[in-house]
Amino acid sequence: MIWERPPYRISDDPELVDVTVVHEFLVGSYWARGIPMETVVRGIAHSIPFSVFLGDRQVGFARVVTDRATFAYLADVFVVEDQRGRRLAAWLVATVLAHPELQGLRRWLLVTRDAHRLYQKLGFDAVADPSMFLTRHDPDVYAR
């Protein structure tokens, strides 16, 4: 699908993802520092990717890991620095949430260090009972 807000557009077509742009951003991010290109490619292949374009240039990205029935995990959301301040991240996440294959899900999750206000405006909130959630986290996985 394509969503337009000229001069920008969002696509969920995996074939249109500029994997180099996504990898270059993620490899320097706080959440995926050092991620190998092969891991980025595999992650996109097993998710619903959303790419933001300005002309032919990819300027934003998000992906959803989901069973398309009950659960979705929103991951790797970013807008490149020179395009920030244009409400592209809010539009991108709203587009993700409105995607036809992601309706009626029981639970959405995401992890963020610094974008709580953006996500709260779109209906996300802190986990009501964090004692129910467990994690298995290996922050150095890409360094090995």
Protein backbone atom coordinates (compact mmCIF):
# COMPACT_ATOMS: atom_id res chain seq x y z
CA MET A 1 0.00 0.00 0.00
CA ILE A 2 1.00 3.62 -0.47
CA TRP A 3 0.00 6.55 1.75
CA GLU A 4 0.73 10.08 0.57
CA ARG A 5 1.30 13.39 2.27
CA PRO A 6 3.09 15.37 -0.44
CA PRO A 7 5.98 15.61 -0.86
CA TYR A 8 6.26 12.44 1.28
CA ARG A 9 4.86 8.95 0.86
CA ILE A 10 4.87 5.79 2.97
CA SER A 11 5.01 2.30 1.48
CA ASP A 12 4.67 -1.13 3.08
CA ASP A 13 6.33 -2.82 0.08
CA PRO A 14 9.39 -4.76 1.30
CA GLU A 15 10.91 -4.51 -2.18
CA LEU A 16 11.12 -0.71 -1.85
CA VAL A 17 13.07 -0.67 1.42
CA ASP A 18 16.51 0.89 0.99
CA VAL A 19 18.24 -1.64 3.23
CA THR A 20 21.48 0.37 3.14
CA VAL A 21 19.74 3.44 4.61
CA VAL A 22 18.03 1.33 7.27
CA HIS A 23 21.25 -0.48 8.18
CA GLU A 24 23.28 2.74 8.31
CA PHE A 25 20.78 4.26 10.72
CA LEU A 26 20.32 1.19 12.92
CA VAL A 27 24.02 0.36 13.20
CA GLY A 28 24.51 3.70 14.99
CA SER A 29 21.29 3.66 17.03
CA TYR A 30 21.20 3.08 20.78
CA TRP A 31 18.93 0.04 20.38
CA ALA A 32 20.72 -1.82 17.56
CA ARG A 33 24.31 -0.53 17.68
CA GLY A 34 26.54 -2.69 15.54
CA ILE A 35 23.72 -4.74 14.00
CA PRO A 36 24.96 -6.76 11.02
CA MET A 37 23.46 -6.10 7.59
CA GLU A 38 22.33 -9.74 7.37
CA THR A 39 20.30 -9.33 10.57
CA VAL A 40 18.60 -6.19 9.22
CA VAL A 41 17.72 -8.01 5.99
CA ARG A 42 16.32 -11.00 7.91
CA GLY A 43 14.34 -8.74 10.25
CA ILE A 44 12.71 -6.90 7.35
CA ALA A 45 11.90 -10.18 5.59
CA HIS A 46 10.00 -11.42 8.64
CA SER A 47 8.14 -8.20 9.44
CA ILE A 48 5.81 -5.70 7.83
CA PRO A 49 8.15 -2.84 6.86
CA PHE A 50 7.06 0.77 6.46
CA SER A 51 9.32 3.14 4.54
CA VAL A 52 8.95 6.92 4.35
CA PHE A 53 10.16 8.47 1.11
CA LEU A 54 10.90 12.00 -0.04
CA GLY A 55 11.00 11.47 -3.78
CA ASP A 56 13.17 8.37 -4.21
CA ARG A 57 15.09 8.96 -0.97
CA GLN A 58 14.17 6.86 2.05
CA VAL A 59 13.96 9.20 5.06
CA GLY A 60 12.13 7.08 7.62
CA PHE A 61 11.37 3.53 8.61
CA ALA A 62 9.44 1.31 11.00
CA ARG A 63 8.67 -2.36 11.06
CA VAL A 64 6.09 -4.51 12.80
CA VAL A 65 6.79 -8.02 14.02
CA THR A 66 3.38 -9.65 14.21
CA ASP A 67 1.21 -12.73 13.88
CA ARG A 68 -1.44 -10.44 12.26
CA ALA A 69 -4.04 -11.88 14.65
CA THR A 70 -3.34 -11.02 18.29
CA PHE A 71 0.04 -9.34 18.78
CA ALA A 72 2.39 -6.78 17.25
CA TYR A 73 5.77 -5.40 18.25
CA LEU A 74 6.65 -2.01 16.79
CA ALA A 75 10.38 -1.79 16.14
CA ASP A 76 13.13 0.25 14.52
CA VAL A 77 11.15 3.47 14.15
CA PHE A 78 13.25 6.36 12.87
CA VAL A 79 13.31 9.48 10.74
CA VAL A 80 16.67 10.67 9.42
CA GLU A 81 17.97 13.74 11.18
CA ASP A 82 17.57 16.27 8.37
CA GLN A 83 13.85 15.41 8.04
CA ARG A 84 12.90 15.60 11.71
CA GLY A 85 10.50 18.25 12.99
CA ARG A 86 7.98 17.63 10.20
CA ARG A 87 5.74 15.24 12.20
CA LEU A 88 6.86 12.36 9.99
CA ALA A 89 7.34 9.98 12.93
CA ALA A 90 3.81 10.64 14.17
CA TRP A 91 2.41 10.14 10.66
CA LEU A 92 4.48 6.97 10.22
CA VAL A 93 3.31 5.40 13.48
CA ALA A 94 -0.33 6.43 12.85
CA THR A 95 -0.08 4.79 9.42
CA VAL A 96 1.32 1.63 10.97
CA LEU A 97 -1.51 1.51 13.50
CA ALA A 98 -4.13 1.97 10.77
CA HIS A 99 -2.75 -0.75 8.48
CA PRO A 100 -5.58 -3.14 7.48
CA GLU A 101 -3.60 -6.26 8.46
CA LEU A 102 -3.00 -4.90 11.97
CA GLN A 103 -6.57 -4.27 13.10
CA GLY A 104 -8.18 -6.05 16.04
CA LEU A 105 -4.91 -6.99 17.71
CA ARG A 106 -5.09 -7.63 21.43
CA ARG A 107 -1.67 -6.25 22.31
CA TRP A 108 0.94 -3.91 20.86
CA LEU A 109 4.37 -3.51 22.44
CA LEU A 110 7.33 -1.27 21.80
CA VAL A 111 10.47 -0.24 23.60
CA THR A 112 11.73 3.34 23.66
CA ARG A 113 14.22 5.29 25.68
CA ASP A 114 13.20 8.78 24.66
CA ALA A 115 10.02 8.98 22.57
CA HIS A 116 7.34 8.31 25.18
CA ARG A 117 5.33 11.45 24.37
CA LEU A 118 5.10 10.58 20.68
CA TYR A 119 3.77 7.11 21.40
CA GLN A 120 1.47 8.18 24.23
CA LYS A 121 -0.26 10.60 21.84
CA LEU A 122 -0.98 7.58 19.65
CA GLY A 123 -2.50 5.44 22.38
CA PHE A 124 0.49 3.67 23.90
CA ASP A 125 1.04 3.76 27.66
CA ALA A 126 3.38 2.31 30.24
CA VAL A 127 2.82 -1.35 31.04
CA ALA A 128 0.15 -1.42 33.75
CA ASP A 129 1.69 -4.34 35.59
CA PRO A 130 5.33 -4.74 34.61
CA SER A 131 5.66 -7.71 36.97
CA MET A 132 3.82 -9.79 34.35
CA PHE A 133 6.46 -9.13 31.69
CA LEU A 134 9.78 -10.88 31.45
CA THR A 135 12.63 -10.21 29.10
CA ARG A 136 15.64 -12.06 27.83
CA HIS A 137 17.96 -9.30 26.71
CA ASP A 138 21.44 -9.64 25.23
CA PRO A 139 22.66 -6.08 24.56
CA ASP A 140 26.05 -7.28 23.27
CA VAL A 141 24.74 -9.81 20.75
CA TYR A 142 26.02 -7.79 17.75
CA ALA A 143 29.46 -7.30 19.27
CA ARG A 144 30.24 -11.01 19.29
